[in-house]
């Protein structure tokens, strides 16, 4: 049981750290002309794959994508989905 919780926490922290770094990288690239950007779809993919907290923190830490309504609405909804799904997984394997 403890290995499940530590595994889920490690995965959650890894995905959120990666999503936060992606937001930082995209913000840096947005300041350079002609630099290849990270697509919004990739940022949403990371948010969907349990990285929503990292994307949300990156939005406000780097002031990046905060003017886009679909980020302001979508990322908190994905945070709810991520946390709910983690709770269901934990509950399911606890039985």
C-alpha atoms as a PDB file:
ATOM      1  CA  UNK A   1       0.000   0.000   0.000  1.00  0.00           C
ATOM      2  CA  UNK A   2       2.782   2.405   0.883  1.00  0.00           C
ATOM      3  CA  UNK A   3       4.487   1.700  -2.434  1.00  0.00           C
ATOM      4  CA  UNK A   4       1.286   2.685  -4.286  1.00  0.00           C
ATOM      5  CA  UNK A   5       1.065   6.009  -2.471  1.00  0.00           C
ATOM      6  CA  UNK A   6       4.768   6.773  -2.939  1.00  0.00           C
ATOM      7  CA  UNK A   7       4.561   5.765  -6.604  1.00  0.00           C
ATOM      8  CA  UNK A   8       1.544   7.995  -7.221  1.00  0.00           C
ATOM      9  CA  UNK A   9       3.174  10.907  -5.412  1.00  0.00           C
ATOM     10  CA  UNK A  10       6.421  10.472  -7.350  1.00  0.00           C
ATOM     11  CA  UNK A  11       4.563  10.366 -10.657  1.00  0.00           C
ATOM     12  CA  UNK A  12       2.471  13.404  -9.684  1.00  0.00           C
ATOM     13  CA  UNK A  13       5.555  15.406  -8.686  1.00  0.00           C
ATOM     14  CA  UNK A  14       7.470  14.378 -11.817  1.00  0.00           C
ATOM     15  CA  UNK A  15       4.647  15.370 -14.167  1.00  0.00           C
ATOM     16  CA  UNK A  16       4.047  18.688 -12.408  1.00  0.00           C
ATOM     17  CA  UNK A  17       7.748  19.523 -12.335  1.00  0.00           C
ATOM     18  CA  UNK A  18       7.993  18.745 -16.046  1.00  0.00           C
ATOM     19  CA  UNK A  19       4.909  20.829 -16.830  1.00  0.00           C
ATOM     20  CA  UNK A  20       6.301  23.748 -14.818  1.00  0.00           C
ATOM     21  CA  UNK A  21       9.592  23.551 -16.730  1.00  0.00           C
ATOM     22  CA  UNK A  22       7.717  23.410 -20.049  1.00  0.00           C
ATOM     23  CA  UNK A  23       5.913  26.622 -19.152  1.00  0.00           C
ATOM     24  CA  UNK A  24       9.255  28.261 -18.300  1.00  0.00           C
ATOM     25  CA  UNK A  25      10.802  27.055 -21.558  1.00  0.00           C
ATOM     26  CA  UNK A  26       7.864  28.257 -23.643  1.00  0.00           C
ATOM     27  CA  UNK A  27       7.942  31.659 -21.950  1.00  0.00           C
ATOM     28  CA  UNK A  28      11.650  31.970 -22.710  1.00  0.00           C
ATOM     29  CA  UNK A  29      11.071  30.980 -26.343  1.00  0.00           C
ATOM     30  CA  UNK A  30       8.183  33.434 -26.656  1.00  0.00           C
ATOM     31  CA  UNK A  31      10.613  36.305 -26.161  1.00  0.00           C
ATOM     32  CA  UNK A  32      12.857  35.221 -29.056  1.00  0.00           C
ATOM     33  CA  UNK A  33      11.822  35.901 -32.632  1.00  0.00           C
ATOM     34  CA  UNK A  34      11.602  32.769 -34.766  1.00  0.00           C
ATOM     35  CA  UNK A  35      12.138  30.339 -31.891  1.00  0.00           C
ATOM     36  CA  UNK A  36      10.173  27.100 -32.064  1.00  0.00           C
ATOM     37  CA  UNK A  37       7.449  27.262 -29.429  1.00  0.00           C
ATOM     38  CA  UNK A  38       5.818  24.517 -27.405  1.00  0.00           C
ATOM     39  CA  UNK A  39       2.285  24.049 -28.676  1.00  0.00           C
ATOM     40  CA  UNK A  40      -0.690  24.817 -26.478  1.00  0.00           C
ATOM     41  CA  UNK A  41      -1.869  21.295 -27.179  1.00  0.00           C
ATOM     42  CA  UNK A  42       1.305  19.889 -25.602  1.00  0.00           C
ATOM     43  CA  UNK A  43       0.818  22.091 -22.538  1.00  0.00           C
ATOM     44  CA  UNK A  44      -2.774  20.849 -22.216  1.00  0.00           C
ATOM     45  CA  UNK A  45      -1.567  17.263 -22.711  1.00  0.00           C
ATOM     46  CA  UNK A  46       0.812  17.627 -19.768  1.00  0.00           C
ATOM     47  CA  UNK A  47      -1.964  19.223 -17.732  1.00  0.00           C
ATOM     48  CA  UNK A  48      -4.270  16.310 -18.540  1.00  0.00           C
ATOM     49  CA  UNK A  49      -1.568  13.761 -17.698  1.00  0.00           C
ATOM     50  CA  UNK A  50      -1.460  14.861 -14.035  1.00  0.00           C
ATOM     51  CA  UNK A  51       0.626  18.000 -14.635  1.00  0.00           C
ATOM     52  CA  UNK A  52      -2.130  20.567 -14.191  1.00  0.00           C
ATOM     53  CA  UNK A  53      -0.742  21.999 -10.955  1.00  0.00           C
ATOM     54  CA  UNK A  54       2.628  22.582 -12.629  1.00  0.00           C
ATOM     55  CA  UNK A  55       1.022  24.322 -15.610  1.00  0.00           C
ATOM     56  CA  UNK A  56      -1.124  26.451 -13.299  1.00  0.00           C
ATOM     57  CA  UNK A  57       1.858  27.454 -11.160  1.00  0.00           C
ATOM     58  CA  UNK A  58       3.875  28.178 -14.316  1.00  0.00           C
ATOM     59  CA  UNK A  59       1.109  30.373 -15.678  1.00  0.00           C
ATOM     60  CA  UNK A  60       1.365  32.739 -12.753  1.00  0.00           C
ATOM     61  CA  UNK A  61       5.062  32.376 -11.933  1.00  0.00           C
ATOM     62  CA  UNK A  62       6.068  33.346 -15.482  1.00  0.00           C
ATOM     63  CA  UNK A  63       2.958  35.368 -16.410  1.00  0.00           C
ATOM     64  CA  UNK A  64       2.476  33.068 -19.362  1.00  0.00           C
ATOM     65  CA  UNK A  65      -0.855  32.183 -21.036  1.00  0.00           C
ATOM     66  CA  UNK A  66      -2.781  34.136 -18.391  1.00  0.00           C
ATOM     67  CA  UNK A  67      -4.661  36.136 -21.044  1.00  0.00           C
ATOM     68  CA  UNK A  68      -6.062  33.009 -22.700  1.00  0.00           C
ATOM     69  CA  UNK A  69      -9.548  32.217 -21.389  1.00  0.00           C
ATOM     70  CA  UNK A  70      -9.194  28.520 -22.173  1.00  0.00           C
ATOM     71  CA  UNK A  71      -6.115  28.293 -19.948  1.00  0.00           C
ATOM     72  CA  UNK A  72      -7.757  30.290 -17.155  1.00  0.00           C
ATOM     73  CA  UNK A  73     -10.808  28.017 -17.238  1.00  0.00           C
ATOM     74  CA  UNK A  74      -9.364  24.728 -18.481  1.00  0.00           C
ATOM     75  CA  UNK A  75      -6.371  24.304 -16.206  1.00  0.00           C
ATOM     76  CA  UNK A  76      -8.342  24.583 -12.915  1.00  0.00           C
ATOM     77  CA  UNK A  77     -10.888  22.109 -14.326  1.00  0.00           C
ATOM     78  CA  UNK A  78      -8.060  19.729 -15.197  1.00  0.00           C
ATOM     79  CA  UNK A  79      -6.670  20.182 -11.666  1.00  0.00           C
ATOM     80  CA  UNK A  80     -10.031  19.024 -10.331  1.00  0.00           C
ATOM     81  CA  UNK A  81     -10.007  16.074 -12.732  1.00  0.00           C
ATOM     82  CA  UNK A  82      -6.427  15.114 -11.823  1.00  0.00           C
ATOM     83  CA  UNK A  83      -7.017  15.228  -8.074  1.00  0.00           C
ATOM     84  CA  UNK A  84     -10.323  13.359  -8.392  1.00  0.00           C
ATOM     85  CA  UNK A  85      -8.753  10.627 -10.509  1.00  0.00           C
ATOM     86  CA  UNK A  86      -5.871  10.229  -8.060  1.00  0.00           C
ATOM     87  CA  UNK A  87      -8.433   9.889  -5.265  1.00  0.00           C
ATOM     88  CA  UNK A  88     -10.346   7.234  -7.205  1.00  0.00           C
ATOM     89  CA  UNK A  89      -7.146   5.291  -7.922  1.00  0.00           C
ATOM     90  CA  UNK A  90      -6.142   5.456  -4.277  1.00  0.00           C
ATOM     91  CA  UNK A  91      -9.635   4.422  -3.121  1.00  0.00           C
ATOM     92  CA  UNK A  92      -9.827   1.588  -5.671  1.00  0.00           C
ATOM     93  CA  UNK A  93      -6.525   0.001  -4.654  1.00  0.00           C
ATOM     94  CA  UNK A  94      -7.191   0.552  -0.960  1.00  0.00           C
ATOM     95  CA  UNK A  95     -10.115  -1.877  -1.089  1.00  0.00           C
END
